[in-house]
Protein backbone atom coordinates (compact mmCIF):
# COMPACT_ATOMS: atom_id res chain seq x y z
CA MET A 1 -14.33 63.68 11.34
CA LEU A 2 -15.82 60.50 12.81
CA THR A 3 -16.85 60.37 16.40
CA ARG A 4 -15.46 57.69 18.74
CA LYS A 5 -18.75 55.79 18.54
CA GLU A 6 -18.75 55.92 14.75
CA LYS A 7 -15.14 54.67 14.67
CA ARG A 8 -16.10 51.67 16.84
CA ILE A 9 -18.97 50.89 14.48
CA VAL A 10 -16.65 51.07 11.45
CA TRP A 11 -14.09 48.79 13.11
CA GLY A 12 -16.83 46.38 14.13
CA VAL A 13 -18.14 46.16 10.58
CA ALA A 14 -14.58 45.70 9.27
CA LEU A 15 -13.95 42.84 11.69
CA LEU A 16 -17.22 41.17 10.72
CA LEU A 17 -16.32 41.44 7.04
CA PHE A 18 -12.82 40.09 7.72
CA TRP A 19 -14.23 37.12 9.65
CA GLY A 20 -16.87 36.45 7.04
CA PHE A 21 -14.54 36.49 4.03
CA ILE A 22 -11.08 35.60 5.36
CA GLY A 23 -11.02 34.72 9.04
CA ARG A 24 -13.49 31.88 8.72
CA HIS A 25 -11.41 30.27 5.98
CA ILE A 26 -8.27 30.54 8.11
CA PHE A 27 -10.08 28.92 11.04
CA ASP A 28 -11.48 26.15 8.81
CA TYR A 29 -8.01 25.46 7.39
CA PHE A 30 -6.29 25.09 10.75
CA TYR A 31 -9.19 23.08 12.15
CA ALA A 32 -9.04 20.73 9.16
CA GLU A 33 -5.28 20.36 9.63
CA HIS A 34 -5.82 19.59 13.30
CA LYS A 35 -8.39 16.90 12.48
CA ARG A 36 -6.12 15.50 9.78
CA GLY A 37 -3.28 15.28 12.30
CA GLN A 38 -5.52 13.40 14.73
CA PHE A 39 -6.64 11.05 11.94
CA LEU A 40 -3.10 10.30 10.78
CA ALA A 41 -1.99 9.71 14.35
CA LYS A 42 -4.69 7.07 14.71
CA TYR A 43 -4.39 5.68 11.17
CA PRO A 44 -0.82 6.40 10.05
CA THR A 45 0.66 5.79 6.62
CA VAL A 46 2.71 2.61 6.88
CA ALA A 47 4.00 2.30 3.31
CA THR A 48 4.98 4.95 0.77
CA ILE A 49 6.21 2.55 -1.92
CA GLY A 50 4.36 -0.34 -3.53
CA ASN A 51 5.68 -3.38 -5.40
CA GLY A 52 3.82 -5.85 -7.59
CA GLY A 53 5.76 -8.96 -8.61
CA THR A 54 6.10 -12.71 -8.53
CA SER A 55 8.16 -15.21 -6.58
CA GLU A 56 8.11 -17.65 -9.52
CA GLN A 57 11.36 -17.34 -11.39
CA GLY A 58 11.43 -17.29 -15.19
CA ARG A 59 7.74 -16.49 -15.77
CA TYR A 60 5.98 -13.26 -16.60
CA TYR A 61 2.74 -12.21 -14.97
CA GLY A 62 0.25 -9.52 -15.72
CA ILE A 63 -1.00 -7.86 -12.53
CA ARG A 64 -3.93 -5.56 -13.27
CA ASP A 65 -6.92 -4.14 -11.41
CA MET A 66 -5.23 -5.08 -8.13
CA HIS A 67 -6.26 -2.96 -5.16
CA VAL A 68 -5.54 -3.19 -1.44
CA SER A 69 -7.81 -1.10 0.79
CA ASP A 70 -6.83 0.05 4.27
CA THR A 71 -8.47 0.70 7.64
CA ARG A 72 -8.66 4.45 7.10
CA GLY A 73 -10.93 4.22 4.08
CA GLY A 74 -8.23 4.56 1.43
CA GLY A 75 -5.83 2.16 -0.17
CA ALA A 76 -3.54 1.76 -3.15
CA SER A 77 -3.40 0.15 -6.56
CA PHE A 78 -0.84 -2.56 -7.23
CA GLY A 79 -1.84 -3.15 -10.85
CA TYR A 80 1.52 -2.41 -12.45
CA GLY A 81 0.99 -4.55 -15.55
CA ALA A 82 3.55 -7.01 -16.90
CA THR A 83 6.12 -8.05 -14.32
CA SER A 84 8.61 -10.77 -13.63
CA GLY A 85 10.60 -11.67 -10.54
CA TYR A 86 10.63 -10.23 -7.06
CA PRO A 87 9.93 -7.50 -6.06
CA GLY A 88 8.63 -6.58 -9.52
CA GLY A 89 7.13 -3.25 -10.52
CA SER A 90 7.27 -0.23 -8.24
CA ALA A 91 5.26 2.94 -7.63
CA SER A 92 4.82 5.64 -5.02
CA ILE A 93 1.77 5.04 -2.82
CA GLY A 94 0.35 6.05 0.52
CA ILE A 95 -1.39 3.28 2.42
CA GLY A 96 -2.27 2.43 6.00
CA VAL A 97 -2.90 -0.95 7.60
CA PRO A 98 -4.50 -3.18 4.94
CA LYS A 99 -7.92 -4.75 5.41
CA HIS A 100 -9.01 -6.08 1.99
CA ILE A 101 -7.52 -7.23 -1.30
CA LYS A 102 -9.33 -7.46 -4.61
CA GLY A 103 -7.81 -7.97 -8.01
CA TYR A 104 -6.85 -9.96 -11.06
CA TRP A 105 -3.63 -11.37 -12.40
CA ALA A 106 -2.55 -13.75 -15.17
CA ARG A 107 0.37 -16.08 -15.85
CA ASP A 108 2.12 -15.87 -19.20
CA TYR A 109 3.10 -18.80 -21.39
CA SER A 110 6.61 -20.15 -21.06
CA LYS A 111 9.29 -18.56 -23.23
CA GLU A 112 9.08 -21.45 -25.71
CA GLU A 113 5.26 -21.51 -25.81
CA SER A 114 5.03 -17.75 -26.28
CA LYS A 115 6.64 -18.11 -29.71
CA THR A 116 3.39 -19.57 -31.05
CA LYS A 117 0.77 -18.47 -28.49
CA LYS A 118 -0.44 -15.03 -27.51
CA GLY A 119 -2.06 -13.71 -24.38
CA TYR A 120 -1.86 -15.50 -21.06
CA GLN A 121 -1.99 -19.16 -20.15
CA THR A 122 -4.02 -18.88 -16.93
CA TYR A 123 -6.09 -16.19 -15.20
CA TYR A 124 -6.69 -15.61 -11.51
CA ARG A 125 -8.79 -13.40 -9.27
CA ILE A 126 -9.26 -12.79 -5.56
CA ASP A 127 -11.64 -10.84 -3.34
CA ALA A 128 -10.78 -11.39 0.31
CA ASP A 129 -10.59 -9.67 3.69
CA ILE A 130 -7.28 -9.17 5.46
CA ASP A 131 -7.08 -9.52 9.25
CA SER A 132 -6.20 -5.87 9.90
CA GLU A 133 -5.60 -6.33 13.63
CA LEU A 134 -3.03 -9.04 12.98
CA ALA A 135 -1.56 -7.06 10.09
CA LYS A 136 -1.12 -4.05 12.40
CA LYS A 137 0.71 -6.17 14.98
CA LYS A 138 3.04 -7.56 12.32
CA ILE A 139 3.77 -4.13 10.87
CA GLU A 140 4.53 -2.68 14.32
CA THR A 141 6.78 -5.67 15.08
CA LEU A 142 8.93 -4.95 12.04
CA GLN A 143 8.89 -1.18 12.66
CA ASN A 144 10.44 -1.82 16.08
CA TYR A 145 12.61 -4.75 15.02
CA TYR A 146 15.97 -3.14 14.29
CA LYS A 147 18.43 -1.63 16.72
CA ASN A 148 20.03 0.87 14.35
CA PHE A 149 17.74 1.15 11.36
CA PRO A 150 15.32 4.03 12.02
CA ARG A 151 13.05 3.79 8.97
CA LYS A 152 9.37 3.30 9.88
CA GLU A 153 7.45 3.89 6.64
CA GLY A 154 8.17 0.95 4.42
CA VAL A 155 7.16 -0.91 1.30
CA MET A 156 3.99 -2.93 0.74
CA GLN A 157 4.21 -5.71 -1.82
CA VAL A 158 1.63 -7.81 -3.64
CA ILE A 159 3.42 -10.97 -4.80
CA VAL A 160 1.85 -13.75 -6.88
CA ASN A 161 2.88 -17.29 -7.76
CA LYS A 162 0.30 -19.09 -9.91
CA GLU A 163 -2.94 -18.97 -7.87
CA GLU A 164 -1.16 -17.94 -4.67
CA VAL A 165 -1.10 -14.28 -3.66
CA TYR A 166 0.70 -12.60 -0.76
CA VAL A 167 0.82 -9.15 0.78
CA PHE A 168 4.20 -8.38 2.34
CA PHE A 169 5.42 -5.42 4.37
CA THR A 170 9.14 -4.67 4.48
CA LEU A 171 11.47 -1.89 5.55
CA LYS A 172 14.10 -3.08 3.08
CA CYS A 173 16.99 -3.23 5.50
CA PHE A 174 19.77 -4.95 3.54
CA SER A 175 22.53 -6.26 5.79
CA LYS A 176 25.16 -5.80 3.07
CA VAL A 177 24.82 -2.02 3.35
CA LYS A 178 22.98 -1.39 6.65
CA ASP A 179 23.09 -2.58 10.24
CA CYS A 180 20.07 -4.89 10.43
CA THR A 181 20.78 -6.24 13.91
CA SER A 182 17.49 -6.93 15.68
CA ASN A 183 16.54 -5.80 19.16
CA GLU A 184 16.52 -8.44 21.87
CA ASN A 185 13.20 -10.32 21.92
CA ALA A 186 11.99 -8.11 19.06
CA ASP A 187 9.81 -10.83 17.51
CA PRO A 188 8.38 -13.18 20.17
CA ASN A 189 5.62 -14.33 17.81
CA GLY A 190 7.89 -15.19 14.91
CA TYR A 191 6.26 -12.78 12.47
CA VAL A 192 9.46 -11.69 10.73
CA VAL A 193 10.64 -13.93 7.88
CA LYS A 194 13.05 -13.60 4.99
CA SER A 195 11.98 -12.20 1.65
CA PRO A 196 11.68 -14.54 -1.38
CA LYS A 197 15.25 -13.65 -2.38
CA ASN A 198 16.50 -14.02 1.21
CA LEU A 199 18.00 -10.53 1.14
CA THR A 200 15.86 -8.66 3.66
CA ASP A 201 13.10 -9.13 6.22
CA VAL A 202 9.35 -9.08 5.59
CA VAL A 203 6.16 -9.76 7.48
CA VAL A 204 3.36 -11.59 5.67
CA LEU A 205 0.16 -9.58 6.08
CA PHE A 206 -1.93 -11.86 3.88
CA GLU A 207 -1.63 -15.15 2.04
CA GLY A 208 -4.40 -16.71 0.01
CA LYS A 209 -5.36 -18.51 -3.17
CA GLY A 210 -7.25 -17.00 -6.05
CA GLU A 211 -9.90 -18.48 -8.30
CA VAL A 212 -8.39 -20.05 -11.43
CA SER A 213 -9.65 -19.85 -15.01
CA SER A 214 -8.27 -20.79 -18.43
CA THR A 215 -10.11 -17.81 -19.94
CA PRO A 216 -10.23 -14.14 -18.86
CA PHE A 217 -12.79 -13.20 -16.23
CA LYS A 218 -15.60 -11.14 -17.69
CA GLY A 219 -15.44 -7.40 -17.27
CA THR A 220 -11.71 -7.23 -16.54
CA SER A 221 -8.93 -5.64 -18.57
CA PHE A 222 -7.83 -9.15 -19.56
CA ASP A 223 -11.20 -9.72 -21.21
CA ARG A 224 -10.28 -8.81 -24.77
CA LYS A 225 -9.26 -10.51 -27.99
CA TYR A 226 -5.61 -10.98 -28.83
């Protein structure tokens, strides 16, 4: 029969073992979740879907090795391969406010030319910063734009047209099926514009022009023999 003192010692040892093997892990887990919550509050996910396409009708593009990085140290790939039209290819992503774009794309031959020629007609690349402060303001403007459309996490789109490249953010509110009425004075800076197909609203987070080449850029996935 253990004495009271011996029982206290046994319980003390048991608690130390519990803390050392289990309790510490529980504490670390909840602390990590707390820090993650603080991080996401400061750097929230703004888009859970990505599109990669073109605003040039009737032409195919190859969008590869295309990456947009964000202010929280992450980002998303928009290299969805062969695409035509807007909004183009689609994938699930998780991205915050964008700050940089780097990637490669190529424009296919016309339908008639592609009967006798293989590969791509022209190649493009870009490596450029995005004004993240302005991008954040534009995203927040659209997130608070609608009276009766509650969606906040939207779609980020990389759209090309020859050497031009754009990064759009949209909530995809289509007036044919949803109430897309805007709040009064919701866009004093005129950030919100119509999408290339004029079916929904977007904000343009980046627009630029890529470097042009008639041959594939070295070291890219386009750099191979056909």
